[in-house]
Amino acid sequence: MSKKFETRVYHEDTDFIGIVYYANYFKFIERARSEAIREVGIDQYNLKLEHGIFFVVSKLKAKFVQAAKFNDLLFTETDLLYIKSASLGLEQRIFRNENLIFTAEIKLACINQTGRPVKLPSEVKRNLLSI
């Protein structure tokens, strides 16, 4: 089941030729990913406070299909690919209207405050299955 997130392209997102600067696509998918995780009942700030764990991007593969431009309305879909004991994989796609313009596969690792991988708590895993 895809989680959907909407964003508009503002002037600050574009480069000097008027298209979205490549690094901003990663901001768009980060926001969509954070909202997808929030929608399934996981507050990442509380995860840090209560469990001392964090999600970090450990691998990312991206493909730029078409450029987005100022004032475009974009939709990002986020889907769960897999969950392992200390990581999960997501696929994220950005669309303008119904046209795919960007896609990424992301591996998120669950780490503790010293940067070591740790197992996802069972209730967190259960909630993530709803993405």
N, C-alpha and C. Protein backbone atom coordinates (compact mmCIF):
# COMPACT_ATOMS: atom_id res chain seq x y z
N MET A 1 0.84 -1.18 0.00
CA MET A 1 0.00 0.00 0.00
C MET A 1 0.89 1.25 0.00
N SER A 2 0.78 2.06 -1.02
CA SER A 2 1.61 3.27 -1.13
C SER A 2 1.13 4.36 -0.20
N LYS A 3 2.10 5.05 0.40
CA LYS A 3 1.83 6.28 1.13
C LYS A 3 2.13 7.42 0.17
N LYS A 4 1.24 8.42 0.12
CA LYS A 4 1.40 9.52 -0.83
C LYS A 4 1.64 10.83 -0.11
N PHE A 5 2.49 11.66 -0.70
CA PHE A 5 2.85 12.96 -0.14
C PHE A 5 2.92 13.96 -1.28
N GLU A 6 2.33 15.13 -1.05
CA GLU A 6 2.27 16.17 -2.08
C GLU A 6 3.20 17.33 -1.71
N THR A 7 3.88 17.86 -2.71
CA THR A 7 4.71 19.05 -2.50
C THR A 7 4.71 19.89 -3.77
N ARG A 8 4.89 21.16 -3.61
CA ARG A 8 4.99 22.07 -4.75
C ARG A 8 6.44 22.52 -4.90
N VAL A 9 6.86 22.75 -6.13
CA VAL A 9 8.20 23.24 -6.40
C VAL A 9 8.19 24.76 -6.27
N TYR A 10 9.04 25.26 -5.40
CA TYR A 10 9.18 26.70 -5.20
C TYR A 10 10.47 27.18 -5.85
N HIS A 11 10.57 28.50 -5.99
CA HIS A 11 11.76 29.08 -6.62
C HIS A 11 13.05 28.61 -5.93
N GLU A 12 13.02 28.49 -4.61
CA GLU A 12 14.21 28.07 -3.86
C GLU A 12 14.67 26.66 -4.21
N ASP A 13 13.79 25.86 -4.83
CA ASP A 13 14.12 24.48 -5.20
C ASP A 13 14.83 24.38 -6.55
N THR A 14 14.83 25.48 -7.30
CA THR A 14 15.34 25.41 -8.67
C THR A 14 16.76 25.97 -8.78
N ASP A 15 17.39 25.61 -9.89
CA ASP A 15 18.74 26.13 -10.15
C ASP A 15 18.66 27.31 -11.12
N PHE A 16 19.78 27.75 -11.61
CA PHE A 16 19.80 28.96 -12.43
C PHE A 16 19.16 28.79 -13.80
N ILE A 17 18.89 27.54 -14.24
CA ILE A 17 18.19 27.36 -15.52
C ILE A 17 16.71 27.05 -15.33
N GLY A 18 16.25 27.10 -14.07
CA GLY A 18 14.82 26.99 -13.80
C GLY A 18 14.27 25.60 -13.56
N ILE A 19 15.15 24.60 -13.42
CA ILE A 19 14.67 23.26 -13.09
C ILE A 19 15.10 22.91 -11.67
N VAL A 20 14.46 21.90 -11.10
CA VAL A 20 14.79 21.51 -9.73
C VAL A 20 16.24 21.04 -9.67
N TYR A 21 16.99 21.63 -8.75
CA TYR A 21 18.37 21.24 -8.50
C TYR A 21 18.37 19.80 -8.01
N TYR A 22 19.27 18.97 -8.54
CA TYR A 22 19.22 17.53 -8.31
C TYR A 22 19.16 17.14 -6.83
N ALA A 23 19.88 17.83 -5.97
CA ALA A 23 19.91 17.47 -4.55
C ALA A 23 18.56 17.67 -3.87
N ASN A 24 17.72 18.53 -4.44
CA ASN A 24 16.43 18.79 -3.82
C ASN A 24 15.46 17.62 -3.96
N TYR A 25 15.66 16.75 -4.95
CA TYR A 25 14.83 15.55 -5.04
C TYR A 25 15.01 14.70 -3.78
N PHE A 26 16.23 14.70 -3.24
CA PHE A 26 16.49 13.93 -2.02
C PHE A 26 15.77 14.55 -0.83
N LYS A 27 15.64 15.88 -0.82
CA LYS A 27 14.84 16.53 0.23
C LYS A 27 13.37 16.14 0.09
N PHE A 28 12.87 16.13 -1.15
CA PHE A 28 11.47 15.77 -1.38
C PHE A 28 11.18 14.36 -0.88
N ILE A 29 12.06 13.41 -1.20
CA ILE A 29 11.78 12.03 -0.77
C ILE A 29 12.00 11.86 0.73
N GLU A 30 12.91 12.63 1.31
CA GLU A 30 13.11 12.57 2.77
C GLU A 30 11.84 13.01 3.49
N ARG A 31 11.23 14.09 3.02
CA ARG A 31 9.99 14.57 3.63
C ARG A 31 8.88 13.54 3.47
N ALA A 32 8.76 12.98 2.28
CA ALA A 32 7.73 11.98 2.04
C ALA A 32 7.96 10.73 2.89
N ARG A 33 9.21 10.33 3.01
CA ARG A 33 9.55 9.15 3.82
C ARG A 33 9.24 9.40 5.29
N SER A 34 9.59 10.58 5.78
CA SER A 34 9.31 10.92 7.18
C SER A 34 7.81 10.94 7.45
N GLU A 35 7.03 11.47 6.51
CA GLU A 35 5.58 11.51 6.67
C GLU A 35 4.98 10.10 6.60
N ALA A 36 5.50 9.26 5.72
CA ALA A 36 5.01 7.88 5.63
C ALA A 36 5.24 7.14 6.94
N ILE A 37 6.40 7.34 7.54
CA ILE A 37 6.72 6.71 8.82
C ILE A 37 5.82 7.27 9.92
N ARG A 38 5.58 8.57 9.90
CA ARG A 38 4.70 9.20 10.88
C ARG A 38 3.26 8.68 10.74
N GLU A 39 2.80 8.53 9.48
CA GLU A 39 1.43 8.07 9.22
C GLU A 39 1.16 6.68 9.78
N VAL A 40 2.19 5.85 9.93
CA VAL A 40 1.97 4.50 10.47
C VAL A 40 2.21 4.46 11.98
N GLY A 41 2.27 5.64 12.60
CA GLY A 41 2.32 5.72 14.06
C GLY A 41 3.70 5.72 14.68
N ILE A 42 4.72 6.02 13.90
CA ILE A 42 6.08 6.06 14.44
C ILE A 42 6.55 7.51 14.47
N ASP A 43 6.82 8.00 15.66
CA ASP A 43 7.37 9.34 15.84
C ASP A 43 8.88 9.17 15.99
N GLN A 44 9.63 9.61 14.98
CA GLN A 44 11.07 9.36 14.98
C GLN A 44 11.78 10.07 16.13
N TYR A 45 11.25 11.19 16.57
CA TYR A 45 11.86 11.89 17.71
C TYR A 45 11.67 11.06 18.98
N ASN A 46 10.47 10.52 19.18
CA ASN A 46 10.23 9.66 20.34
C ASN A 46 11.01 8.36 20.26
N LEU A 47 11.23 7.87 19.05
CA LEU A 47 12.04 6.66 18.87
C LEU A 47 13.44 6.90 19.42
N LYS A 48 13.95 8.09 19.16
CA LYS A 48 15.27 8.47 19.68
C LYS A 48 15.23 8.58 21.20
N LEU A 49 14.21 9.26 21.73
CA LEU A 49 14.13 9.48 23.18
C LEU A 49 13.86 8.20 23.96
N GLU A 50 12.91 7.40 23.48
CA GLU A 50 12.47 6.21 24.22
C GLU A 50 13.37 4.99 24.02
N HIS A 51 13.90 4.85 22.81
CA HIS A 51 14.68 3.64 22.50
C HIS A 51 16.16 3.94 22.21
N GLY A 52 16.49 5.21 22.02
CA GLY A 52 17.88 5.56 21.70
C GLY A 52 18.32 5.09 20.33
N ILE A 53 17.35 5.00 19.40
CA ILE A 53 17.67 4.52 18.05
C ILE A 53 17.24 5.53 17.00
N PHE A 54 17.87 5.41 15.83
CA PHE A 54 17.63 6.33 14.72
C PHE A 54 17.58 5.55 13.42
N PHE A 55 16.90 6.12 12.42
CA PHE A 55 16.99 5.61 11.06
C PHE A 55 17.99 6.47 10.30
N VAL A 56 18.90 5.83 9.60
CA VAL A 56 19.84 6.55 8.72
C VAL A 56 19.83 5.88 7.35
N VAL A 57 20.03 6.68 6.33
CA VAL A 57 20.13 6.14 4.97
C VAL A 57 21.50 5.50 4.83
N SER A 58 21.51 4.19 4.54
CA SER A 58 22.79 3.50 4.36
C SER A 58 23.06 3.17 2.90
N LYS A 59 22.01 3.24 2.07
CA LYS A 59 22.19 2.98 0.64
C LYS A 59 21.07 3.69 -0.10
N LEU A 60 21.42 4.27 -1.24
CA LEU A 60 20.42 4.96 -2.05
C LEU A 60 20.79 4.81 -3.52
N LYS A 61 19.81 4.39 -4.31
CA LYS A 61 19.99 4.27 -5.76
C LYS A 61 18.88 5.11 -6.39
N ALA A 62 19.25 6.08 -7.21
CA ALA A 62 18.27 7.01 -7.77
C ALA A 62 18.34 7.06 -9.29
N LYS A 63 17.20 7.37 -9.89
CA LYS A 63 17.14 7.57 -11.34
C LYS A 63 16.31 8.83 -11.61
N PHE A 64 16.92 9.76 -12.33
CA PHE A 64 16.24 10.99 -12.74
C PHE A 64 15.65 10.74 -14.12
N VAL A 65 14.32 10.86 -14.24
CA VAL A 65 13.64 10.54 -15.50
C VAL A 65 13.33 11.82 -16.28
N GLN A 66 12.73 12.80 -15.61
CA GLN A 66 12.41 14.10 -16.21
C GLN A 66 12.65 15.18 -15.18
N ALA A 67 12.86 16.39 -15.65
CA ALA A 67 13.08 17.50 -14.73
C ALA A 67 11.76 18.09 -14.24
N ALA A 68 11.72 18.44 -12.97
CA ALA A 68 10.60 19.21 -12.43
C ALA A 68 10.97 20.68 -12.53
N LYS A 69 9.93 21.52 -12.61
CA LYS A 69 10.15 22.96 -12.79
C LYS A 69 9.38 23.75 -11.74
N PHE A 70 9.72 25.02 -11.65
CA PHE A 70 9.05 25.94 -10.73
C PHE A 70 7.53 25.80 -10.86
N ASN A 71 6.86 25.74 -9.71
CA ASN A 71 5.41 25.70 -9.56
C ASN A 71 4.78 24.34 -9.88
N ASP A 72 5.57 23.35 -10.27
CA ASP A 72 5.01 22.01 -10.49
C ASP A 72 4.47 21.47 -9.17
N LEU A 73 3.36 20.76 -9.25
CA LEU A 73 2.81 20.05 -8.11
C LEU A 73 3.26 18.60 -8.24
N LEU A 74 4.00 18.12 -7.24
CA LEU A 74 4.58 16.78 -7.28
C LEU A 74 3.94 15.88 -6.24
N PHE A 75 3.86 14.61 -6.56
CA PHE A 75 3.36 13.60 -5.63
C PHE A 75 4.44 12.54 -5.47
N THR A 76 4.75 12.21 -4.23
CA THR A 76 5.73 11.16 -3.96
C THR A 76 5.01 9.97 -3.36
N GLU A 77 5.23 8.81 -3.94
CA GLU A 77 4.70 7.55 -3.40
C GLU A 77 5.84 6.81 -2.71
N THR A 78 5.54 6.25 -1.55
CA THR A 78 6.52 5.48 -0.78
C THR A 78 5.96 4.09 -0.53
N ASP A 79 6.73 3.07 -0.88
CA ASP A 79 6.34 1.68 -0.66
C ASP A 79 7.43 0.93 0.07
N LEU A 80 7.02 0.06 0.97
CA LEU A 80 7.95 -0.81 1.69
C LEU A 80 8.35 -1.96 0.77
N LEU A 81 9.66 -2.19 0.65
CA LEU A 81 10.16 -3.32 -0.13
C LEU A 81 10.46 -4.52 0.76
N TYR A 82 11.07 -4.26 1.93
CA TYR A 82 11.42 -5.35 2.85
C TYR A 82 11.71 -4.78 4.23
N ILE A 83 11.64 -5.66 5.22
CA ILE A 83 12.09 -5.34 6.57
C ILE A 83 12.99 -6.48 7.03
N LYS A 84 14.16 -6.12 7.52
CA LYS A 84 15.07 -7.09 8.13
C LYS A 84 15.19 -6.75 9.61
N SER A 85 16.05 -7.45 10.32
CA SER A 85 16.14 -7.22 11.76
C SER A 85 16.58 -5.81 12.13
N ALA A 86 17.50 -5.22 11.36
CA ALA A 86 18.01 -3.88 11.70
C ALA A 86 17.97 -2.91 10.53
N SER A 87 17.16 -3.23 9.51
CA SER A 87 17.07 -2.34 8.35
C SER A 87 15.76 -2.55 7.61
N LEU A 88 15.47 -1.62 6.72
CA LEU A 88 14.30 -1.76 5.86
C LEU A 88 14.61 -1.12 4.52
N GLY A 89 13.90 -1.56 3.50
CA GLY A 89 14.07 -1.01 2.16
C GLY A 89 12.78 -0.37 1.70
N LEU A 90 12.92 0.77 1.04
CA LEU A 90 11.77 1.50 0.52
C LEU A 90 12.00 1.85 -0.94
N GLU A 91 10.91 1.90 -1.68
CA GLU A 91 10.95 2.45 -3.03
C GLU A 91 10.14 3.74 -3.00
N GLN A 92 10.70 4.79 -3.58
CA GLN A 92 10.00 6.07 -3.64
C GLN A 92 9.99 6.56 -5.07
N ARG A 93 8.83 7.06 -5.49
CA ARG A 93 8.65 7.56 -6.85
C ARG A 93 8.02 8.94 -6.79
N ILE A 94 8.55 9.87 -7.56
CA ILE A 94 7.98 11.21 -7.66
C ILE A 94 7.30 11.34 -9.02
N PHE A 95 6.06 11.85 -8.98
CA PHE A 95 5.26 12.05 -10.18
C PHE A 95 4.89 13.52 -10.32
N ARG A 96 4.81 13.98 -11.56
CA ARG A 96 4.17 15.25 -11.91
C ARG A 96 2.97 14.84 -12.74
N ASN A 97 1.78 15.18 -12.27
CA ASN A 97 0.55 14.64 -12.84
C ASN A 97 0.66 13.12 -12.73
N GLU A 98 0.60 12.42 -13.84
CA GLU A 98 0.76 10.96 -13.78
C GLU A 98 2.08 10.51 -14.39
N ASN A 99 2.97 11.46 -14.63
CA ASN A 99 4.25 11.15 -15.25
C ASN A 99 5.33 10.94 -14.20
N LEU A 100 5.98 9.79 -14.27
CA LEU A 100 7.09 9.49 -13.36
C LEU A 100 8.27 10.37 -13.73
N ILE A 101 8.82 11.09 -12.73
CA ILE A 101 9.97 11.95 -13.03
C ILE A 101 11.22 11.55 -12.24
N PHE A 102 11.06 10.75 -11.17
CA PHE A 102 12.21 10.39 -10.33
C PHE A 102 11.85 9.12 -9.58
N THR A 103 12.83 8.25 -9.40
CA THR A 103 12.61 7.05 -8.61
C THR A 103 13.87 6.75 -7.79
N ALA A 104 13.65 6.18 -6.61
CA ALA A 104 14.79 5.85 -5.74
C ALA A 104 14.47 4.60 -4.93
N GLU A 105 15.51 3.81 -4.69
CA GLU A 105 15.44 2.71 -3.73
C GLU A 105 16.36 3.08 -2.58
N ILE A 106 15.83 2.99 -1.36
CA ILE A 106 16.55 3.44 -0.18
C ILE A 106 16.62 2.30 0.82
N LYS A 107 17.80 2.12 1.41
CA LYS A 107 17.95 1.21 2.54
C LYS A 107 18.15 2.08 3.77
N LEU A 108 17.28 1.92 4.77
CA LEU A 108 17.41 2.61 6.04
C LEU A 108 17.94 1.62 7.06
N ALA A 109 18.99 2.01 7.75
CA ALA A 109 19.54 1.19 8.83
C ALA A 109 19.05 1.76 10.15
N CYS A 110 18.85 0.89 11.11
CA CYS A 110 18.48 1.29 12.46
C CYS A 110 19.76 1.23 13.30
N ILE A 111 20.16 2.38 13.85
CA ILE A 111 21.40 2.42 14.63
C ILE A 111 21.14 3.02 16.01
N ASN A 112 22.09 2.77 16.91
CA ASN A 112 22.01 3.39 18.24
C ASN A 112 22.86 4.66 18.26
N GLN A 113 22.99 5.25 19.43
CA GLN A 113 23.69 6.54 19.55
C GLN A 113 25.18 6.45 19.27
N THR A 114 25.74 5.24 19.29
CA THR A 114 27.16 5.09 18.96
C THR A 114 27.37 4.73 17.49
N GLY A 115 26.27 4.64 16.73
CA GLY A 115 26.36 4.34 15.31
C GLY A 115 26.35 2.87 14.97
N ARG A 116 26.11 2.02 15.94
CA ARG A 116 26.07 0.57 15.71
C ARG A 116 24.66 0.13 15.31
N PRO A 117 24.56 -0.83 14.39
CA PRO A 117 23.25 -1.36 14.02
C PRO A 117 22.57 -2.02 15.22
N VAL A 118 21.26 -1.81 15.32
CA VAL A 118 20.47 -2.44 16.37
C VAL A 118 19.17 -2.97 15.77
N LYS A 119 18.62 -3.99 16.41
CA LYS A 119 17.36 -4.56 15.94
C LYS A 119 16.22 -3.57 16.13
N LEU A 120 15.33 -3.58 15.15
CA LEU A 120 14.13 -2.76 15.25
C LEU A 120 13.23 -3.34 16.34
N PRO A 121 12.67 -2.51 17.20
CA PRO A 121 11.71 -3.02 18.18
C PRO A 121 10.52 -3.65 17.45
N SER A 122 9.95 -4.70 18.02
CA SER A 122 8.87 -5.44 17.35
C SER A 122 7.68 -4.56 17.01
N GLU A 123 7.31 -3.62 17.90
CA GLU A 123 6.16 -2.76 17.60
C GLU A 123 6.46 -1.80 16.44
N VAL A 124 7.71 -1.40 16.30
CA VAL A 124 8.11 -0.54 15.18
C VAL A 124 8.03 -1.34 13.89
N LYS A 125 8.54 -2.56 13.91
CA LYS A 125 8.47 -3.43 12.73
C LYS A 125 7.02 -3.64 12.30
N ARG A 126 6.18 -3.91 13.28
CA ARG A 126 4.76 -4.15 13.01
C ARG A 126 4.13 -2.92 12.33
N ASN A 127 4.42 -1.74 12.85
CA ASN A 127 3.86 -0.52 12.26
C ASN A 127 4.40 -0.27 10.85
N LEU A 128 5.68 -0.55 10.64
CA LEU A 128 6.29 -0.32 9.33
C LEU A 128 5.67 -1.19 8.24
N LEU A 129 5.13 -2.32 8.61
CA LEU A 129 4.48 -3.20 7.63
C LEU A 129 3.27 -2.53 6.98
N SER A 130 2.77 -1.45 7.58
CA SER A 130 1.62 -0.73 7.02
C SER A 130 1.99 0.26 5.92
N ILE A 131 3.29 0.46 5.70
CA ILE A 131 3.70 1.39 4.63
C ILE A 131 3.43 0.74 3.29
